[in-house]
Amino acid sequence: MLKIVKTYNQKDFVEKDFMWVKGLMIISMKPFFLRKDKRIKVHSFLCVMGLVFYRLLLWKLKKQEEMLSETRVIEELEKIRVVLVKSGDEEPQFMFETMGLDQMRLFTALGLETVLKDS
């Protein structure tokens, strides 16, 4: 009986994922005007990969006990902005704009500071 309940709950999880993919929340799965099968397959692949990365991101945040809703995570990440700054003869550098508290918590929890160090 427990296995049946677990399987049913997983079905709900997958259905919610496809609702996200079909919506505008992550990557629009709505049809573009693609005519070639190869392009349609690539578009679908990218949508599913976006979903995989999104679920990985949520898993990582849950593991670190960050208490933001799924939609709030996306909203806050969209607000994080990177700018390219050049001063005088120095090499241009990537910098983050000022972040709010939730953005800073996500930034730290996901280890995004390493993104700029490597560039």
PDB file of N, CA and C in Angstrom:
ATOM      1  N   MET A   1       0.821  -1.205   0.000  1.00  0.00           N
ATOM      2  CA  MET A   1       0.000   0.000   0.000  1.00  0.00           C
ATOM      3  C   MET A   1       0.860   1.263   0.000  1.00  0.00           C
ATOM      4  N   LEU A   2       1.954   1.238   0.773  1.00  0.00           N
ATOM      5  CA  LEU A   2       2.848   2.392   0.845  1.00  0.00           C
ATOM      6  C   LEU A   2       3.445   2.706  -0.526  1.00  0.00           C
ATOM      7  N   LYS A   3       3.790   1.661  -1.276  1.00  0.00           N
ATOM      8  CA  LYS A   3       4.369   1.854  -2.608  1.00  0.00           C
ATOM      9  C   LYS A   3       3.365   2.534  -3.546  1.00  0.00           C
ATOM     10  N   ILE A   4       2.102   2.174  -3.419  1.00  0.00           N
ATOM     11  CA  ILE A   4       1.056   2.784  -4.252  1.00  0.00           C
ATOM     12  C   ILE A   4       0.927   4.272  -3.936  1.00  0.00           C
ATOM     13  N   VAL A   5       0.944   4.615  -2.669  1.00  0.00           N
ATOM     14  CA  VAL A   5       0.835   6.018  -2.259  1.00  0.00           C
ATOM     15  C   VAL A   5       2.044   6.806  -2.746  1.00  0.00           C
ATOM     16  N   LYS A   6       3.250   6.238  -2.612  1.00  0.00           N
ATOM     17  CA  LYS A   6       4.466   6.920  -3.082  1.00  0.00           C
ATOM     18  C   LYS A   6       4.399   7.160  -4.588  1.00  0.00           C
ATOM     19  N   THR A   7       3.970   6.138  -5.327  1.00  0.00           N
ATOM     20  CA  THR A   7       3.867   6.262  -6.781  1.00  0.00           C
ATOM     21  C   THR A   7       2.860   7.340  -7.158  1.00  0.00           C
ATOM     22  N   TYR A   8       1.739   7.377  -6.474  1.00  0.00           N
ATOM     23  CA  TYR A   8       0.727   8.397  -6.748  1.00  0.00           C
ATOM     24  C   TYR A   8       1.280   9.797  -6.476  1.00  0.00           C
ATOM     25  N   ASN A   9       1.998   9.973  -5.382  1.00  0.00           N
ATOM     26  CA  ASN A   9       2.578  11.277  -5.058  1.00  0.00           C
ATOM     27  C   ASN A   9       3.620  11.694  -6.084  1.00  0.00           C
ATOM     28  N   GLN A  10       4.372  10.740  -6.618  1.00  0.00           N
ATOM     29  CA  GLN A  10       5.357  11.058  -7.650  1.00  0.00           C
ATOM     30  C   GLN A  10       4.665  11.504  -8.935  1.00  0.00           C
ATOM     31  N   LYS A  11       3.511  10.925  -9.226  1.00  0.00           N
ATOM     32  CA  LYS A  11       2.739  11.330 -10.402  1.00  0.00           C
ATOM     33  C   LYS A  11       2.369  12.810 -10.295  1.00  0.00           C
ATOM     34  N   ASP A  12       1.949  13.208  -9.119  1.00  0.00           N
ATOM     35  CA  ASP A  12       1.595  14.603  -8.881  1.00  0.00           C
ATOM     36  C   ASP A  12       2.804  15.510  -9.091  1.00  0.00           C
ATOM     37  N   PHE A  13       3.956  15.067  -8.633  1.00  0.00           N
ATOM     38  CA  PHE A  13       5.209  15.821  -8.780  1.00  0.00           C
ATOM     39  C   PHE A  13       5.530  16.037 -10.262  1.00  0.00           C
ATOM     40  N   VAL A  14       5.411  14.972 -11.056  1.00  0.00           N
ATOM     41  CA  VAL A  14       5.702  15.057 -12.491  1.00  0.00           C
ATOM     42  C   VAL A  14       4.683  15.949 -13.194  1.00  0.00           C
ATOM     43  N   GLU A  15       3.411  15.821 -12.837  1.00  0.00           N
ATOM     44  CA  GLU A  15       2.382  16.665 -13.451  1.00  0.00           C
ATOM     45  C   GLU A  15       2.639  18.140 -13.173  1.00  0.00           C
ATOM     46  N   LYS A  16       3.053  18.465 -11.965  1.00  0.00           N
ATOM     47  CA  LYS A  16       3.369  19.859 -11.633  1.00  0.00           C
ATOM     48  C   LYS A  16       4.563  20.348 -12.441  1.00  0.00           C
ATOM     49  N   ASP A  17       5.558  19.479 -12.635  1.00  0.00           N
ATOM     50  CA  ASP A  17       6.715  19.859 -13.446  1.00  0.00           C
ATOM     51  C   ASP A  17       6.297  20.208 -14.868  1.00  0.00           C
ATOM     52  N   PHE A  18       5.431  19.405 -15.455  1.00  0.00           N
ATOM     53  CA  PHE A  18       4.996  19.698 -16.814  1.00  0.00           C
ATOM     54  C   PHE A  18       4.138  20.950 -16.875  1.00  0.00           C
ATOM     55  N   MET A  19       3.399  21.236 -15.828  1.00  0.00           N
ATOM     56  CA  MET A  19       2.650  22.498 -15.784  1.00  0.00           C
ATOM     57  C   MET A  19       3.632  23.668 -15.804  1.00  0.00           C
ATOM     58  N   TRP A  20       4.739  23.534 -15.083  1.00  0.00           N
ATOM     59  CA  TRP A  20       5.753  24.587 -15.061  1.00  0.00           C
ATOM     60  C   TRP A  20       6.385  24.752 -16.432  1.00  0.00           C
ATOM     61  N   VAL A  21       6.720  23.630 -17.073  1.00  0.00           N
ATOM     62  CA  VAL A  21       7.364  23.702 -18.381  1.00  0.00           C
ATOM     63  C   VAL A  21       6.425  24.332 -19.403  1.00  0.00           C
ATOM     64  N   LYS A  22       5.153  23.991 -19.351  1.00  0.00           N
ATOM     65  CA  LYS A  22       4.197  24.520 -20.312  1.00  0.00           C
ATOM     66  C   LYS A  22       3.860  25.982 -20.049  1.00  0.00           C
ATOM     67  N   GLY A  23       4.087  26.444 -18.844  1.00  0.00           N
ATOM     68  CA  GLY A  23       3.822  27.836 -18.513  1.00  0.00           C
ATOM     69  C   GLY A  23       5.015  28.705 -18.871  1.00  0.00           C
ATOM     70  N   LEU A  24       4.943  29.943 -18.486  1.00  0.00           N
ATOM     71  CA  LEU A  24       6.032  30.878 -18.782  1.00  0.00           C
ATOM     72  C   LEU A  24       7.016  30.992 -17.629  1.00  0.00           C
ATOM     73  N   MET A  25       6.837  30.184 -16.581  1.00  0.00           N
ATOM     74  CA  MET A  25       7.664  30.323 -15.392  1.00  0.00           C
ATOM     75  C   MET A  25       9.136  30.044 -15.650  1.00  0.00           C
ATOM     76  N   ILE A  26       9.437  28.982 -16.373  1.00  0.00           N
ATOM     77  CA  ILE A  26      10.839  28.637 -16.589  1.00  0.00           C
ATOM     78  C   ILE A  26      11.205  28.920 -18.039  1.00  0.00           C
ATOM     79  N   ILE A  27      10.839  27.998 -18.896  1.00  0.00           N
ATOM     80  CA  ILE A  27      11.112  28.137 -20.324  1.00  0.00           C
ATOM     81  C   ILE A  27       9.795  27.863 -21.030  1.00  0.00           C
ATOM     82  N   SER A  28       9.421  28.733 -21.889  1.00  0.00           N
ATOM     83  CA  SER A  28       8.140  28.547 -22.566  1.00  0.00           C
ATOM     84  C   SER A  28       8.186  27.316 -23.460  1.00  0.00           C
ATOM     85  N   MET A  29       7.284  26.397 -23.204  1.00  0.00           N
ATOM     86  CA  MET A  29       7.168  25.193 -24.034  1.00  0.00           C
ATOM     87  C   MET A  29       6.133  25.422 -25.125  1.00  0.00           C
ATOM     88  N   LYS A  30       5.546  26.597 -25.112  1.00  0.00           N
ATOM     89  CA  LYS A  30       4.532  26.903 -26.120  1.00  0.00           C
ATOM     90  C   LYS A  30       5.189  26.851 -27.498  1.00  0.00           C
ATOM     91  N   PRO A  31       4.421  26.467 -28.489  1.00  0.00           N
ATOM     92  CA  PRO A  31       5.037  26.246 -29.801  1.00  0.00           C
ATOM     93  C   PRO A  31       5.575  27.527 -30.424  1.00  0.00           C
ATOM     94  N   PHE A  32       6.812  27.436 -30.806  1.00  0.00           N
ATOM     95  CA  PHE A  32       7.384  28.461 -31.654  1.00  0.00           C
ATOM     96  C   PHE A  32       7.037  28.019 -33.064  1.00  0.00           C
ATOM     97  N   PHE A  33       7.316  28.831 -34.010  1.00  0.00           N
ATOM     98  CA  PHE A  33       6.993  28.447 -35.371  1.00  0.00           C
ATOM     99  C   PHE A  33       8.144  27.629 -35.945  1.00  0.00           C
ATOM    100  N   LEU A  34       8.309  26.447 -35.382  1.00  0.00           N
ATOM    101  CA  LEU A  34       9.350  25.527 -35.826  1.00  0.00           C
ATOM    102  C   LEU A  34       8.713  24.508 -36.761  1.00  0.00           C
ATOM    103  N   ARG A  35       9.370  24.268 -37.862  1.00  0.00           N
ATOM    104  CA  ARG A  35       8.802  23.344 -38.838  1.00  0.00           C
ATOM    105  C   ARG A  35       9.613  22.048 -38.938  1.00  0.00           C
ATOM    106  N   LYS A  36      10.894  22.134 -38.657  1.00  0.00           N
ATOM    107  CA  LYS A  36      11.745  20.955 -38.818  1.00  0.00           C
ATOM    108  C   LYS A  36      11.768  20.147 -37.527  1.00  0.00           C
ATOM    109  N   ASP A  37      11.674  18.831 -37.691  1.00  0.00           N
ATOM    110  CA  ASP A  37      11.654  17.938 -36.531  1.00  0.00           C
ATOM    111  C   ASP A  37      12.863  18.143 -35.629  1.00  0.00           C
ATOM    112  N   LYS A  38      14.015  18.336 -36.229  1.00  0.00           N
ATOM    113  CA  LYS A  38      15.242  18.488 -35.441  1.00  0.00           C
ATOM    114  C   LYS A  38      15.146  19.709 -34.519  1.00  0.00           C
ATOM    115  N   ARG A  39      14.625  20.800 -35.024  1.00  0.00           N
ATOM    116  CA  ARG A  39      14.502  22.014 -34.209  1.00  0.00           C
ATOM    117  C   ARG A  39      13.473  21.842 -33.097  1.00  0.00           C
ATOM    118  N   ILE A  40      12.395  21.140 -33.391  1.00  0.00           N
ATOM    119  CA  ILE A  40      11.378  20.875 -32.371  1.00  0.00           C
ATOM    120  C   ILE A  40      11.976  20.020 -31.262  1.00  0.00           C
ATOM    121  N   LYS A  41      12.761  19.011 -31.642  1.00  0.00           N
ATOM    122  CA  LYS A  41      13.406  18.143 -30.651  1.00  0.00           C
ATOM    123  C   LYS A  41      14.388  18.932 -29.793  1.00  0.00           C
ATOM    124  N   VAL A  42      15.151  19.808 -30.411  1.00  0.00           N
ATOM    125  CA  VAL A  42      16.117  20.618 -29.661  1.00  0.00           C
ATOM    126  C   VAL A  42      15.388  21.545 -28.689  1.00  0.00           C
ATOM    127  N   HIS A  43      14.321  22.168 -29.143  1.00  0.00           N
ATOM    128  CA  HIS A  43      13.551  23.054 -28.269  1.00  0.00           C
ATOM    129  C   HIS A  43      12.995  22.279 -27.074  1.00  0.00           C
ATOM    130  N   SER A  44      12.429  21.109 -27.336  1.00  0.00           N
ATOM    131  CA  SER A  44      11.888  20.283 -26.252  1.00  0.00           C
ATOM    132  C   SER A  44      12.990  19.847 -25.299  1.00  0.00           C
ATOM    133  N   PHE A  45      14.142  19.481 -25.838  1.00  0.00           N
ATOM    134  CA  PHE A  45      15.280  19.082 -25.008  1.00  0.00           C
ATOM    135  C   PHE A  45      15.701  20.223 -24.087  1.00  0.00           C
ATOM    136  N   LEU A  46      15.784  21.431 -24.627  1.00  0.00           N
ATOM    137  CA  LEU A  46      16.182  22.580 -23.810  1.00  0.00           C
ATOM    138  C   LEU A  46      15.162  22.873 -22.716  1.00  0.00           C
ATOM    139  N   CYS A  47      13.890  22.703 -23.022  1.00  0.00           N
ATOM    140  CA  CYS A  47      12.848  22.903 -22.005  1.00  0.00           C
ATOM    141  C   CYS A  47      12.988  21.897 -20.875  1.00  0.00           C
ATOM    142  N   VAL A  48      13.211  20.645 -21.226  1.00  0.00           N
ATOM    143  CA  VAL A  48      13.366  19.612 -20.199  1.00  0.00           C
ATOM    144  C   VAL A  48      14.649  19.847 -19.402  1.00  0.00           C
ATOM    145  N   MET A  49      15.723  20.259 -20.059  1.00  0.00           N
ATOM    146  CA  MET A  49      16.970  20.554 -19.334  1.00  0.00           C
ATOM    147  C   MET A  49      16.767  21.722 -18.373  1.00  0.00           C
ATOM    148  N   GLY A  50      16.000  22.716 -18.792  1.00  0.00           N
ATOM    149  CA  GLY A  50      15.678  23.820 -17.889  1.00  0.00           C
ATOM    150  C   GLY A  50      14.961  23.320 -16.654  1.00  0.00           C
ATOM    151  N   LEU A  51      14.051  22.390 -16.843  1.00  0.00           N
ATOM    152  CA  LEU A  51      13.328  21.799 -15.718  1.00  0.00           C
ATOM    153  C   LEU A  51      14.273  21.014 -14.812  1.00  0.00           C
ATOM    154  N   VAL A  52      15.191  20.262 -15.408  1.00  0.00           N
ATOM    155  CA  VAL A  52      16.160  19.490 -14.615  1.00  0.00           C
ATOM    156  C   VAL A  52      17.019  20.433 -13.776  1.00  0.00           C
ATOM    157  N   PHE A  53      17.525  21.500 -14.383  1.00  0.00           N
ATOM    158  CA  PHE A  53      18.346  22.459 -13.634  1.00  0.00           C
ATOM    159  C   PHE A  53      17.534  23.141 -12.539  1.00  0.00           C
ATOM    160  N   TYR A  54      16.295  23.445 -12.838  1.00  0.00           N
ATOM    161  CA  TYR A  54      15.423  24.074 -11.845  1.00  0.00           C
ATOM    162  C   TYR A  54      15.212  23.151 -10.650  1.00  0.00           C
ATOM    163  N   ARG A  55      14.930  21.881 -10.909  1.00  0.00           N
ATOM    164  CA  ARG A  55      14.734  20.917  -9.818  1.00  0.00           C
ATOM    165  C   ARG A  55      16.028  20.720  -9.028  1.00  0.00           C
ATOM    166  N   LEU A  56      17.163  20.715  -9.711  1.00  0.00           N
ATOM    167  CA  LEU A  56      18.456  20.601  -9.025  1.00  0.00           C
ATOM    168  C   LEU A  56      18.679  21.804  -8.114  1.00  0.00           C
ATOM    169  N   LEU A  57      18.346  22.968  -8.602  1.00  0.00           N
ATOM    170  CA  LEU A  57      18.462  24.194  -7.818  1.00  0.00           C
ATOM    171  C   LEU A  57      17.583  24.121  -6.568  1.00  0.00           C
ATOM    172  N   LEU A  58      16.332  23.687  -6.726  1.00  0.00           N
ATOM    173  CA  LEU A  58      15.430  23.570  -5.575  1.00  0.00           C
ATOM    174  C   LEU A  58      15.917  22.517  -4.588  1.00  0.00           C
ATOM    175  N   TRP A  59      16.452  21.424  -5.106  1.00  0.00           N
ATOM    176  CA  TRP A  59      16.986  20.369  -4.235  1.00  0.00           C
ATOM    177  C   TRP A  59      18.156  20.900  -3.417  1.00  0.00           C
ATOM    178  N   LYS A  60      19.030  21.645  -4.081  1.00  0.00           N
ATOM    179  CA  LYS A  60      20.197  22.205  -3.389  1.00  0.00           C
ATOM    180  C   LYS A  60      19.760  23.193  -2.300  1.00  0.00           C
ATOM    181  N   LEU A  61      18.763  24.003  -2.595  1.00  0.00           N
ATOM    182  CA  LEU A  61      18.260  24.956  -1.605  1.00  0.00           C
ATOM    183  C   LEU A  61      17.576  24.243  -0.441  1.00  0.00           C
ATOM    184  N   LYS A  62      16.830  23.201  -0.748  1.00  0.00           N
ATOM    185  CA  LYS A  62      16.150  22.447   0.313  1.00  0.00           C
ATOM    186  C   LYS A  62      17.174  21.780   1.226  1.00  0.00           C
ATOM    187  N   LYS A  63      18.238  21.280   0.635  1.00  0.00           N
ATOM    188  CA  LYS A  63      19.309  20.629   1.392  1.00  0.00           C
ATOM    189  C   LYS A  63      19.955  21.612   2.369  1.00  0.00           C
ATOM    190  N   GLN A  64      20.014  22.875   1.980  1.00  0.00           N
ATOM    191  CA  GLN A  64      20.604  23.906   2.840  1.00  0.00           C
ATOM    192  C   GLN A  64      19.546  24.607   3.682  1.00  0.00           C
ATOM    193  N   GLU A  65      18.334  24.069   3.659  1.00  0.00           N
ATOM    194  CA  GLU A  65      17.227  24.545   4.483  1.00  0.00           C
ATOM    195  C   GLU A  65      16.839  26.000   4.225  1.00  0.00           C
ATOM    196  N   GLU A  66      16.902  26.407   2.960  1.00  0.00           N
ATOM    197  CA  GLU A  66      16.404  27.723   2.567  1.00  0.00           C
ATOM    198  C   GLU A  66      14.891  27.628   2.444  1.00  0.00           C
ATOM    199  N   MET A  67      14.176  28.506   3.098  1.00  0.00           N
ATOM    200  CA  MET A  67      12.716  28.417   3.169  1.00  0.00           C
ATOM    201  C   MET A  67      12.023  29.429   2.253  1.00  0.00           C
ATOM    202  N   LEU A  68      12.249  29.327   0.965  1.00  0.00           N
ATOM    203  CA  LEU A  68      11.545  30.171   0.002  1.00  0.00           C
ATOM    204  C   LEU A  68      10.683  29.280  -0.878  1.00  0.00           C
ATOM    205  N   SER A  69       9.530  29.790  -1.296  1.00  0.00           N
ATOM    206  CA  SER A  69       8.661  29.006  -2.177  1.00  0.00           C
ATOM    207  C   SER A  69       9.319  28.875  -3.552  1.00  0.00           C
ATOM    208  N   GLU A  70       8.826  27.916  -4.327  1.00  0.00           N
ATOM    209  CA  GLU A  70       9.395  27.683  -5.652  1.00  0.00           C
ATOM    210  C   GLU A  70       9.290  28.919  -6.534  1.00  0.00           C
ATOM    211  N   THR A  71       8.144  29.574  -6.515  1.00  0.00           N
ATOM    212  CA  THR A  71       7.979  30.765  -7.353  1.00  0.00           C
ATOM    213  C   THR A  71       8.824  31.916  -6.830  1.00  0.00           C
ATOM    214  N   ARG A  72       8.965  32.020  -5.525  1.00  0.00           N
ATOM    215  CA  ARG A  72       9.769  33.101  -4.936  1.00  0.00           C
ATOM    216  C   ARG A  72      11.243  32.950  -5.310  1.00  0.00           C
ATOM    217  N   VAL A  73      11.719  31.712  -5.377  1.00  0.00           N
ATOM    218  CA  VAL A  73      13.111  31.469  -5.771  1.00  0.00           C
ATOM    219  C   VAL A  73      13.359  32.046  -7.157  1.00  0.00           C
ATOM    220  N   ILE A  74      12.477  31.741  -8.099  1.00  0.00           N
ATOM    221  CA  ILE A  74      12.630  32.253  -9.464  1.00  0.00           C
ATOM    222  C   ILE A  74      12.548  33.776  -9.484  1.00  0.00           C
ATOM    223  N   GLU A  75      11.582  34.340  -8.774  1.00  0.00           N
ATOM    224  CA  GLU A  75      11.428  35.799  -8.734  1.00  0.00           C
ATOM    225  C   GLU A  75      12.694  36.468  -8.211  1.00  0.00           C
ATOM    226  N   GLU A  76      13.261  35.932  -7.149  1.00  0.00           N
ATOM    227  CA  GLU A  76      14.450  36.547  -6.551  1.00  0.00           C
ATOM    228  C   GLU A  76      15.681  36.362  -7.432  1.00  0.00           C
ATOM    229  N   LEU A  77      15.824  35.198  -8.055  1.00  0.00           N
ATOM    230  CA  LEU A  77      16.971  34.982  -8.937  1.00  0.00           C
ATOM    231  C   LEU A  77      16.912  35.884 -10.165  1.00  0.00           C
ATOM    232  N   GLU A  78      15.704  36.164 -10.654  1.00  0.00           N
ATOM    233  CA  GLU A  78      15.564  37.055 -11.812  1.00  0.00           C
ATOM    234  C   GLU A  78      16.020  38.474 -11.493  1.00  0.00           C
ATOM    235  N   LYS A  79      15.979  38.853 -10.232  1.00  0.00           N
ATOM    236  CA  LYS A  79      16.363  40.208  -9.827  1.00  0.00           C
ATOM    237  C   LYS A  79      17.873  40.373  -9.677  1.00  0.00           C
ATOM    238  N   ILE A  80      18.620  39.264  -9.610  1.00  0.00           N
ATOM    239  CA  ILE A  80      20.080  39.357  -9.487  1.00  0.00           C
ATOM    240  C   ILE A  80      20.637  39.749 -10.847  1.00  0.00           C
ATOM    241  N   ARG A  81      21.370  40.854 -10.858  1.00  0.00           N
ATOM    242  CA  ARG A  81      21.895  41.371 -12.123  1.00  0.00           C
ATOM    243  C   ARG A  81      23.411  41.460 -12.075  1.00  0.00           C
ATOM    244  N   VAL A  82      24.022  41.115 -13.204  1.00  0.00           N
ATOM    245  CA  VAL A  82      25.471  41.180 -13.346  1.00  0.00           C
ATOM    246  C   VAL A  82      25.779  42.291 -14.342  1.00  0.00           C
ATOM    247  N   VAL A  83      26.776  43.116 -14.013  1.00  0.00           N
ATOM    248  CA  VAL A  83      27.174  44.198 -14.910  1.00  0.00           C
ATOM    249  C   VAL A  83      28.659  44.069 -15.219  1.00  0.00           C
ATOM    250  N   LEU A  84      29.066  44.614 -16.347  1.00  0.00           N
ATOM    251  CA  LEU A  84      30.468  44.646 -16.746  1.00  0.00           C
ATOM    252  C   LEU A  84      30.968  46.067 -16.533  1.00  0.00           C
ATOM    253  N   VAL A  85      31.996  46.213 -15.692  1.00  0.00           N
ATOM    254  CA  VAL A  85      32.504  47.537 -15.325  1.00  0.00           C
ATOM    255  C   VAL A  85      33.942  47.673 -15.807  1.00  0.00           C
ATOM    256  N   LYS A  86      34.226  48.815 -16.467  1.00  0.00           N
ATOM    257  CA  LYS A  86      35.589  49.105 -16.911  1.00  0.00           C
ATOM    258  C   LYS A  86      35.969  50.469 -16.376  1.00  0.00           C
ATOM    259  N   SER A  87      37.121  50.526 -15.743  1.00  0.00           N
ATOM    260  CA  SER A  87      37.596  51.779 -15.171  1.00  0.00           C
ATOM    261  C   SER A  87      38.984  52.088 -15.713  1.00  0.00           C
ATOM    262  N   GLY A  88      39.087  53.162 -16.468  1.00  0.00           N
ATOM    263  CA  GLY A  88      40.386  53.560 -17.008  1.00  0.00           C
ATOM    264  C   GLY A  88      40.976  52.494 -17.918  1.00  0.00           C
ATOM    265  N   ASP A  89      42.260  52.195 -17.681  1.00  0.00           N
ATOM    266  CA  ASP A  89      42.967  51.212 -18.504  1.00  0.00           C
ATOM    267  C   ASP A  89      42.856  49.790 -17.958  1.00  0.00           C
ATOM    268  N   GLU A  90      42.153  49.622 -16.863  1.00  0.00           N
ATOM    269  CA  GLU A  90      42.034  48.295 -16.259  1.00  0.00           C
ATOM    270  C   GLU A  90      41.177  47.376 -17.124  1.00  0.00           C
ATOM    271  N   GLU A  91      41.374  46.085 -16.903  1.00  0.00           N
ATOM    272  CA  GLU A  91      40.549  45.089 -17.581  1.00  0.00           C
ATOM    273  C   GLU A  91      39.104  45.213 -17.096  1.00  0.00           C
ATOM    274  N   PRO A  92      38.140  45.033 -17.975  1.00  0.00           N
ATOM    275  CA  PRO A  92      36.741  45.049 -17.523  1.00  0.00           C
ATOM    276  C   PRO A  92      36.482  43.912 -16.531  1.00  0.00           C
ATOM    277  N   GLN A  93      35.627  44.173 -15.554  1.00  0.00           N
ATOM    278  CA  GLN A  93      35.308  43.174 -14.538  1.00  0.00           C
ATOM    279  C   GLN A  93      33.797  43.012 -14.434  1.00  0.00           C
ATOM    280  N   PHE A  94      33.384  41.780 -14.187  1.00  0.00           N
ATOM    281  CA  PHE A  94      31.977  41.517 -13.920  1.00  0.00           C
ATOM    282  C   PHE A  94      31.714  41.763 -12.448  1.00  0.00           C
ATOM    283  N   MET A  95      30.603  42.431 -12.158  1.00  0.00           N
ATOM    284  CA  MET A  95      30.214  42.696 -10.775  1.00  0.00           C
ATOM    285  C   MET A  95      28.708  42.494 -10.647  1.00  0.00           C
ATOM    286  N   PHE A  96      28.279  42.169  -9.435  1.00  0.00           N
ATOM    287  CA  PHE A  96      26.850  42.045  -9.166  1.00  0.00           C
ATOM    288  C   PHE A  96      26.324  43.373  -8.658  1.00  0.00           C
ATOM    289  N   GLU A  97      25.103  43.716  -9.084  1.00  0.00           N
ATOM    290  CA  GLU A  97      24.456  44.901  -8.532  1.00  0.00           C
ATOM    291  C   GLU A  97      24.043  44.607  -7.094  1.00  0.00           C
ATOM    292  N   THR A  98      23.704  45.650  -6.347  1.00  0.00           N
ATOM    293  CA  THR A  98      23.285  45.487  -4.957  1.00  0.00           C
ATOM    294  C   THR A  98      22.090  44.540  -4.878  1.00  0.00           C
ATOM    295  N   MET A  99      22.153  43.624  -3.918  1.00  0.00           N
ATOM    296  CA  MET A  99      21.101  42.614  -3.774  1.00  0.00           C
ATOM    297  C   MET A  99      20.345  42.799  -2.474  1.00  0.00           C
ATOM    298  N   GLY A 100      19.093  42.354  -2.483  1.00  0.00           N
ATOM    299  CA  GLY A 100      18.282  42.329  -1.270  1.00  0.00           C
ATOM    300  C   GLY A 100      18.685  41.141  -0.403  1.00  0.00           C
ATOM    301  N   LEU A 101      18.071  41.031   0.755  1.00  0.00           N
ATOM    302  CA  LEU A 101      18.405  39.974   1.704  1.00  0.00           C
ATOM    303  C   LEU A 101      18.138  38.579   1.132  1.00  0.00           C
ATOM    304  N   ASP A 102      16.958  38.364   0.540  1.00  0.00           N
ATOM    305  CA  ASP A 102      16.642  37.049  -0.030  1.00  0.00           C
ATOM    306  C   ASP A 102      17.563  36.711  -1.196  1.00  0.00           C
ATOM    307  N   GLN A 103      17.880  37.705  -2.008  1.00  0.00           N
ATOM    308  CA  GLN A 103      18.792  37.474  -3.128  1.00  0.00           C
ATOM    309  C   GLN A 103      20.177  37.086  -2.624  1.00  0.00           C
ATOM    310  N   MET A 104      20.641  37.756  -1.576  1.00  0.00           N
ATOM    311  CA  MET A 104      21.954  37.449  -1.015  1.00  0.00           C
ATOM    312  C   MET A 104      21.975  36.036  -0.420  1.00  0.00           C
ATOM    313  N   ARG A 105      20.878  35.648   0.236  1.00  0.00           N
ATOM    314  CA  ARG A 105      20.803  34.292   0.800  1.00  0.00           C
ATOM    315  C   ARG A 105      20.861  33.242  -0.312  1.00  0.00           C
ATOM    316  N   LEU A 106      20.125  33.462  -1.392  1.00  0.00           N
ATOM    317  CA  LEU A 106      20.163  32.534  -2.524  1.00  0.00           C
ATOM    318  C   LEU A 106      21.543  32.507  -3.168  1.00  0.00           C
ATOM    319  N   PHE A 107      22.111  33.667  -3.342  1.00  0.00           N
ATOM    320  CA  PHE A 107      23.436  33.815  -3.942  1.00  0.00           C
ATOM    321  C   PHE A 107      24.462  32.994  -3.171  1.00  0.00           C
ATOM    322  N   THR A 108      24.422  33.107  -1.849  1.00  0.00           N
ATOM    323  CA  THR A 108      25.366  32.388  -0.997  1.00  0.00           C
ATOM    324  C   THR A 108      25.057  30.892  -0.975  1.00  0.00           C
ATOM    325  N   ALA A 109      23.778  30.538  -0.824  1.00  0.00           N
ATOM    326  CA  ALA A 109      23.386  29.127  -0.733  1.00  0.00           C
ATOM    327  C   ALA A 109      23.747  28.353  -2.000  1.00  0.00           C
ATOM    328  N   LEU A 110      23.681  29.006  -3.142  1.00  0.00           N
ATOM    329  CA  LEU A 110      23.973  28.341  -4.414  1.00  0.00           C
ATOM    330  C   LEU A 110      25.435  28.453  -4.823  1.00  0.00           C
ATOM    331  N   GLY A 111      26.232  29.173  -4.048  1.00  0.00           N
ATOM    332  CA  GLY A 111      27.654  29.298  -4.353  1.00  0.00           C
ATOM    333  C   GLY A 111      27.924  30.088  -5.620  1.00  0.00           C
ATOM    334  N   LEU A 112      27.111  31.103  -5.894  1.00  0.00           N
ATOM    335  CA  LEU A 112      27.259  31.870  -7.134  1.00  0.00           C
ATOM    336  C   LEU A 112      28.471  32.795  -7.141  1.00  0.00           C
ATOM    337  N   GLU A 113      29.061  33.019  -5.972  1.00  0.00           N
ATOM    338  CA  GLU A 113      30.243  33.886  -5.947  1.00  0.00           C
ATOM    339  C   GLU A 113      31.390  33.289  -6.757  1.00  0.00           C
ATOM    340  N   THR A 114      31.412  31.980  -6.913  1.00  0.00           N
ATOM    341  CA  THR A 114      32.471  31.342  -7.699  1.00  0.00           C
ATOM    342  C   THR A 114      32.320  31.616  -9.188  1.00  0.00           C
ATOM    343  N   VAL A 115      31.129  32.004  -9.619  1.00  0.00           N
ATOM    344  CA  VAL A 115      30.896  32.285 -11.037  1.00  0.00           C
ATOM    345  C   VAL A 115      31.793  33.421 -11.510  1.00  0.00           C
ATOM    346  N   LEU A 116      31.878  34.477 -10.736  1.00  0.00           N
ATOM    347  CA  LEU A 116      32.686  35.628 -11.143  1.00  0.00           C
ATOM    348  C   LEU A 116      34.170  35.403 -10.914  1.00  0.00           C
ATOM    349  N   LYS A 117      34.524  34.634  -9.919  1.00  0.00           N
ATOM    350  CA  LYS A 117      35.944  34.375  -9.664  1.00  0.00           C
ATOM    351  C   LYS A 117      36.577  33.612 -10.814  1.00  0.00           C
ATOM    352  N   ASP A 118      35.799  32.742 -11.459  1.00  0.00           N
ATOM    353  CA  ASP A 118      36.315  31.925 -12.552  1.00  0.00           C
ATOM    354  C   ASP A 118      36.355  32.672 -13.879  1.00  0.00           C
ATOM    355  N   SER A 119      35.654  33.803 -13.974  1.00  0.00           N
ATOM    356  CA  SER A 119      35.596  34.506 -15.267  1.00  0.00           C
ATOM    357  C   SER A 119      36.744  35.470 -15.432  1.00  0.00           C
TER     358      SER A 119
END
